[in-house]
């Protein structure tokens, strides 16, 4: 299956320095790539490309993956953004209902 991208895509690895995003808290949460966001320097928000993520993550780690407390997930979050876009931050959520955390991109 081929999907036409609106623009060249940008991949953001959903990782910390050790290569994983840990689940903190006391109950399982449903991680979903579609809950993640990225932003450019003017504050424009971009959503993920779920179909591209399914191909980029053979084990589907970013698509409706329940994460138990203390466990971790590793995967790639794909954003379809114009090639000239300079992304400055990504907002990561452990579930679609969490407040998330904004991480600066360098």
N, C-alpha and C. Protein backbone atom coordinates (compact mmCIF):
# COMPACT_ATOMS: atom_id res chain seq x y z
N UNK A 1 0.85 -1.17 0.00
CA UNK A 1 0.00 0.00 0.00
C UNK A 1 0.89 1.24 0.00
N UNK A 2 0.60 2.19 -0.83
CA UNK A 2 1.34 3.44 -0.88
C UNK A 2 0.42 4.57 -0.45
N UNK A 3 1.00 5.50 0.25
CA UNK A 3 0.24 6.66 0.68
C UNK A 3 0.94 7.90 0.18
N UNK A 4 0.17 8.84 -0.37
CA UNK A 4 0.74 10.09 -0.84
C UNK A 4 0.89 11.04 0.34
N UNK A 5 2.12 11.48 0.57
CA UNK A 5 2.36 12.46 1.63
C UNK A 5 2.11 13.85 1.09
N UNK A 6 1.59 14.71 1.93
CA UNK A 6 1.37 16.10 1.53
C UNK A 6 2.72 16.78 1.31
N UNK A 7 3.69 16.46 2.15
CA UNK A 7 5.02 17.07 2.11
C UNK A 7 6.03 16.00 2.50
N UNK A 8 7.30 16.27 2.29
CA UNK A 8 8.29 15.33 2.83
C UNK A 8 8.08 15.21 4.34
N UNK A 9 8.16 14.00 4.85
CA UNK A 9 7.86 13.83 6.27
C UNK A 9 9.10 14.00 7.14
N UNK A 10 8.84 14.26 8.41
CA UNK A 10 9.88 14.37 9.42
C UNK A 10 9.64 13.29 10.44
N UNK A 11 10.69 12.58 10.80
CA UNK A 11 10.59 11.54 11.81
C UNK A 11 11.14 12.05 13.12
N UNK A 12 10.37 11.89 14.16
CA UNK A 12 10.84 12.21 15.50
C UNK A 12 10.84 10.90 16.27
N UNK A 13 12.01 10.47 16.70
CA UNK A 13 12.08 9.25 17.49
C UNK A 13 11.49 9.52 18.86
N UNK A 14 10.56 8.70 19.26
CA UNK A 14 9.91 8.87 20.55
C UNK A 14 10.81 8.30 21.62
N UNK A 15 11.90 8.99 21.85
CA UNK A 15 12.88 8.45 22.76
C UNK A 15 13.44 9.50 23.69
N UNK A 16 14.02 9.04 24.75
CA UNK A 16 14.86 9.88 25.59
C UNK A 16 16.29 9.47 25.27
N UNK A 17 17.23 9.95 26.03
CA UNK A 17 18.64 9.65 25.77
C UNK A 17 18.90 8.15 25.71
N UNK A 18 18.21 7.37 26.56
CA UNK A 18 18.46 5.93 26.58
C UNK A 18 17.66 5.18 25.52
N UNK A 19 16.92 5.88 24.68
CA UNK A 19 16.20 5.23 23.58
C UNK A 19 14.79 4.79 23.89
N UNK A 20 14.26 5.17 25.05
CA UNK A 20 12.91 4.74 25.42
C UNK A 20 12.17 5.87 26.13
N UNK A 21 10.84 5.80 26.07
CA UNK A 21 10.00 6.71 26.85
C UNK A 21 9.37 5.88 27.96
N UNK A 22 9.70 6.17 29.22
CA UNK A 22 9.14 5.37 30.31
C UNK A 22 7.72 5.79 30.65
N UNK A 23 6.94 4.87 31.13
CA UNK A 23 5.58 5.14 31.62
C UNK A 23 5.68 5.31 33.12
N UNK A 24 5.43 6.53 33.60
CA UNK A 24 5.43 6.76 35.04
C UNK A 24 3.98 6.93 35.47
N UNK A 25 3.68 6.63 36.68
CA UNK A 25 2.32 6.71 37.18
C UNK A 25 1.93 5.39 37.79
N UNK A 26 0.67 5.28 38.21
CA UNK A 26 0.24 4.08 38.92
C UNK A 26 -0.85 3.29 38.21
N UNK A 27 -1.09 3.60 36.94
CA UNK A 27 -2.07 2.81 36.18
C UNK A 27 -1.66 2.78 34.71
N UNK A 28 -2.13 1.76 34.01
CA UNK A 28 -1.82 1.62 32.58
C UNK A 28 -2.45 2.77 31.80
N UNK A 29 -1.78 3.19 30.74
CA UNK A 29 -2.30 4.23 29.86
C UNK A 29 -2.15 3.77 28.41
N UNK A 30 -3.04 4.24 27.55
CA UNK A 30 -3.02 3.88 26.14
C UNK A 30 -2.18 4.89 25.37
N UNK A 31 -0.98 4.48 24.94
CA UNK A 31 -0.12 5.34 24.13
C UNK A 31 -0.60 5.28 22.69
N UNK A 32 -0.71 6.43 22.06
CA UNK A 32 -1.14 6.50 20.67
C UNK A 32 -0.38 7.63 19.99
N UNK A 33 0.26 7.32 18.89
CA UNK A 33 1.01 8.33 18.15
C UNK A 33 0.18 9.54 17.79
N UNK A 34 -1.12 9.36 17.59
CA UNK A 34 -1.96 10.49 17.18
C UNK A 34 -2.15 11.51 18.30
N UNK A 35 -1.77 11.17 19.52
CA UNK A 35 -1.86 12.14 20.63
C UNK A 35 -0.62 13.03 20.69
N UNK A 36 0.39 12.74 19.88
CA UNK A 36 1.64 13.49 19.91
C UNK A 36 1.55 14.67 18.93
N UNK A 37 2.26 15.74 19.27
CA UNK A 37 2.23 16.96 18.44
C UNK A 37 3.64 17.49 18.30
N UNK A 38 3.88 18.25 17.24
CA UNK A 38 5.14 18.95 17.09
C UNK A 38 4.84 20.39 16.68
N UNK A 39 5.80 21.28 16.93
CA UNK A 39 5.60 22.71 16.71
C UNK A 39 6.80 23.31 16.01
N UNK A 40 6.54 24.34 15.19
CA UNK A 40 7.64 25.07 14.58
C UNK A 40 7.90 26.34 15.39
N UNK A 41 8.86 27.16 14.93
CA UNK A 41 9.27 28.34 15.69
C UNK A 41 8.17 29.40 15.82
N UNK A 42 7.16 29.38 14.94
CA UNK A 42 6.07 30.34 15.06
C UNK A 42 4.90 29.79 15.87
N UNK A 43 5.05 28.56 16.39
CA UNK A 43 3.99 27.97 17.20
C UNK A 43 2.98 27.15 16.43
N UNK A 44 3.17 27.01 15.12
CA UNK A 44 2.26 26.20 14.32
C UNK A 44 2.34 24.74 14.78
N UNK A 45 1.19 24.13 15.00
CA UNK A 45 1.11 22.75 15.49
C UNK A 45 0.92 21.79 14.31
N UNK A 46 1.66 20.69 14.34
CA UNK A 46 1.54 19.65 13.32
C UNK A 46 1.18 18.33 13.99
N UNK A 47 0.27 17.59 13.36
CA UNK A 47 -0.13 16.29 13.90
C UNK A 47 0.70 15.19 13.24
N UNK A 48 0.59 14.01 13.80
CA UNK A 48 1.37 12.88 13.29
C UNK A 48 0.72 12.26 12.06
N UNK A 49 1.45 11.37 11.41
CA UNK A 49 0.95 10.61 10.26
C UNK A 49 0.87 9.15 10.69
N UNK A 50 -0.30 8.73 11.15
CA UNK A 50 -0.48 7.40 11.70
C UNK A 50 -0.15 6.30 10.69
N UNK A 51 -0.56 6.46 9.45
CA UNK A 51 -0.30 5.42 8.45
C UNK A 51 1.20 5.24 8.24
N UNK A 52 1.95 6.33 8.16
CA UNK A 52 3.40 6.24 8.00
C UNK A 52 4.04 5.60 9.22
N UNK A 53 3.50 5.87 10.41
CA UNK A 53 4.04 5.27 11.62
C UNK A 53 3.88 3.76 11.64
N UNK A 54 2.79 3.27 11.12
CA UNK A 54 2.58 1.82 11.08
C UNK A 54 3.68 1.16 10.26
N UNK A 55 4.09 1.78 9.16
CA UNK A 55 5.17 1.23 8.34
C UNK A 55 6.54 1.44 8.98
N UNK A 56 6.73 2.55 9.68
CA UNK A 56 8.02 2.86 10.30
C UNK A 56 8.27 2.04 11.56
N UNK A 57 7.21 1.55 12.17
CA UNK A 57 7.31 0.77 13.40
C UNK A 57 6.71 -0.60 13.15
N UNK A 58 7.54 -1.54 12.77
CA UNK A 58 7.05 -2.86 12.40
C UNK A 58 6.25 -3.54 13.51
N UNK A 59 6.56 -3.20 14.76
CA UNK A 59 5.84 -3.83 15.87
C UNK A 59 4.67 -2.98 16.37
N UNK A 60 4.33 -1.91 15.64
CA UNK A 60 3.18 -1.05 15.96
C UNK A 60 3.24 -0.44 17.35
N UNK A 61 4.44 -0.05 17.82
CA UNK A 61 4.58 0.48 19.17
C UNK A 61 3.92 1.83 19.37
N UNK A 62 3.64 2.56 18.31
CA UNK A 62 3.05 3.88 18.47
C UNK A 62 1.56 3.91 18.14
N UNK A 63 0.95 2.75 17.97
CA UNK A 63 -0.46 2.71 17.60
C UNK A 63 -1.24 1.95 18.67
N UNK A 64 -1.97 2.70 19.50
CA UNK A 64 -2.85 2.12 20.52
C UNK A 64 -2.15 1.03 21.34
N UNK A 65 -1.07 1.41 21.98
CA UNK A 65 -0.28 0.48 22.76
C UNK A 65 -0.48 0.77 24.24
N UNK A 66 -1.05 -0.18 24.98
CA UNK A 66 -1.25 0.04 26.41
C UNK A 66 0.08 -0.19 27.13
N UNK A 67 0.47 0.80 27.94
CA UNK A 67 1.74 0.74 28.66
C UNK A 67 1.45 0.67 30.16
N UNK A 68 1.92 -0.38 30.78
CA UNK A 68 1.75 -0.54 32.22
C UNK A 68 2.79 0.29 32.97
N UNK A 69 2.48 0.67 34.22
CA UNK A 69 3.44 1.44 35.02
C UNK A 69 4.81 0.77 35.07
N UNK A 70 5.85 1.56 34.90
CA UNK A 70 7.22 1.04 34.94
C UNK A 70 7.71 0.50 33.62
N UNK A 71 6.82 0.26 32.66
CA UNK A 71 7.24 -0.24 31.36
C UNK A 71 7.63 0.92 30.45
N UNK A 72 8.19 0.60 29.30
CA UNK A 72 8.66 1.62 28.37
C UNK A 72 8.22 1.28 26.96
N UNK A 73 8.17 2.29 26.11
CA UNK A 73 7.88 2.08 24.70
C UNK A 73 8.95 2.80 23.88
N UNK A 74 9.28 2.21 22.77
CA UNK A 74 10.25 2.81 21.86
C UNK A 74 9.64 2.77 20.46
N UNK A 75 9.74 3.87 19.75
CA UNK A 75 9.17 3.90 18.41
C UNK A 75 9.45 5.20 17.71
N UNK A 76 8.97 5.32 16.49
CA UNK A 76 9.13 6.54 15.71
C UNK A 76 7.76 7.18 15.51
N UNK A 77 7.73 8.49 15.73
CA UNK A 77 6.52 9.26 15.47
C UNK A 77 6.80 10.04 14.19
N UNK A 78 5.93 9.92 13.21
CA UNK A 78 6.13 10.55 11.90
C UNK A 78 5.22 11.76 11.78
N UNK A 79 5.81 12.89 11.37
CA UNK A 79 5.06 14.11 11.11
C UNK A 79 5.25 14.49 9.65
N UNK A 80 4.19 14.80 8.97
CA UNK A 80 4.22 15.20 7.56
C UNK A 80 4.23 16.72 7.53
N UNK A 81 5.42 17.30 7.40
CA UNK A 81 5.58 18.76 7.44
C UNK A 81 6.34 19.23 6.21
N UNK A 82 6.17 20.48 5.81
CA UNK A 82 6.94 21.00 4.67
C UNK A 82 8.44 20.89 4.94
N UNK A 83 9.20 20.60 3.89
CA UNK A 83 10.63 20.34 4.01
C UNK A 83 11.37 21.51 4.67
N UNK A 84 10.98 22.73 4.42
CA UNK A 84 11.68 23.89 4.96
C UNK A 84 11.31 24.20 6.41
N UNK A 85 10.38 23.45 6.99
CA UNK A 85 9.93 23.71 8.35
C UNK A 85 11.02 23.39 9.36
N UNK A 86 11.24 24.31 10.29
CA UNK A 86 12.19 24.08 11.39
C UNK A 86 11.36 23.78 12.63
N UNK A 87 11.33 22.52 13.00
CA UNK A 87 10.60 22.11 14.19
C UNK A 87 11.40 22.48 15.43
N UNK A 88 10.72 23.03 16.43
CA UNK A 88 11.40 23.48 17.64
C UNK A 88 11.01 22.70 18.89
N UNK A 89 9.87 22.02 18.85
CA UNK A 89 9.42 21.29 20.04
C UNK A 89 8.51 20.13 19.64
N UNK A 90 8.49 19.13 20.48
CA UNK A 90 7.54 18.03 20.35
C UNK A 90 6.84 17.90 21.69
N UNK A 91 5.53 17.63 21.64
CA UNK A 91 4.74 17.45 22.85
C UNK A 91 4.36 15.98 22.93
N UNK A 92 4.87 15.30 23.96
CA UNK A 92 4.65 13.87 24.11
C UNK A 92 3.61 13.61 25.19
N UNK A 93 2.70 12.69 24.88
CA UNK A 93 1.62 12.33 25.80
C UNK A 93 1.65 10.83 26.03
N UNK A 94 1.49 10.41 27.28
CA UNK A 94 1.44 8.97 27.56
C UNK A 94 0.05 8.40 27.29
N UNK A 95 -0.91 9.27 27.08
CA UNK A 95 -2.26 8.87 26.69
C UNK A 95 -2.92 10.07 26.03
N UNK A 96 -3.98 9.86 25.28
CA UNK A 96 -4.65 10.99 24.63
C UNK A 96 -5.23 12.01 25.62
N UNK A 97 -5.34 11.64 26.88
CA UNK A 97 -5.97 12.51 27.87
C UNK A 97 -4.98 13.17 28.83
N UNK A 98 -3.69 12.91 28.66
CA UNK A 98 -2.70 13.49 29.58
C UNK A 98 -2.36 14.92 29.17
N UNK A 99 -1.77 15.66 30.08
CA UNK A 99 -1.31 17.02 29.79
C UNK A 99 -0.09 17.01 28.90
N UNK A 100 0.66 15.95 28.93
CA UNK A 100 1.85 15.84 28.09
C UNK A 100 3.02 16.64 28.63
N UNK A 101 4.14 16.49 27.93
CA UNK A 101 5.34 17.23 28.28
C UNK A 101 5.93 17.76 26.97
N UNK A 102 6.31 19.03 26.97
CA UNK A 102 6.90 19.64 25.77
C UNK A 102 8.42 19.52 25.88
N UNK A 103 9.02 19.00 24.81
CA UNK A 103 10.46 18.79 24.76
C UNK A 103 11.01 19.63 23.62
N UNK A 104 12.03 20.45 23.92
CA UNK A 104 12.67 21.27 22.90
C UNK A 104 13.49 20.38 21.95
N UNK A 105 13.44 20.69 20.67
CA UNK A 105 14.24 20.00 19.68
C UNK A 105 15.42 20.88 19.30
N UNK A 106 16.58 20.29 19.18
CA UNK A 106 17.74 21.11 18.82
C UNK A 106 18.20 20.81 17.42
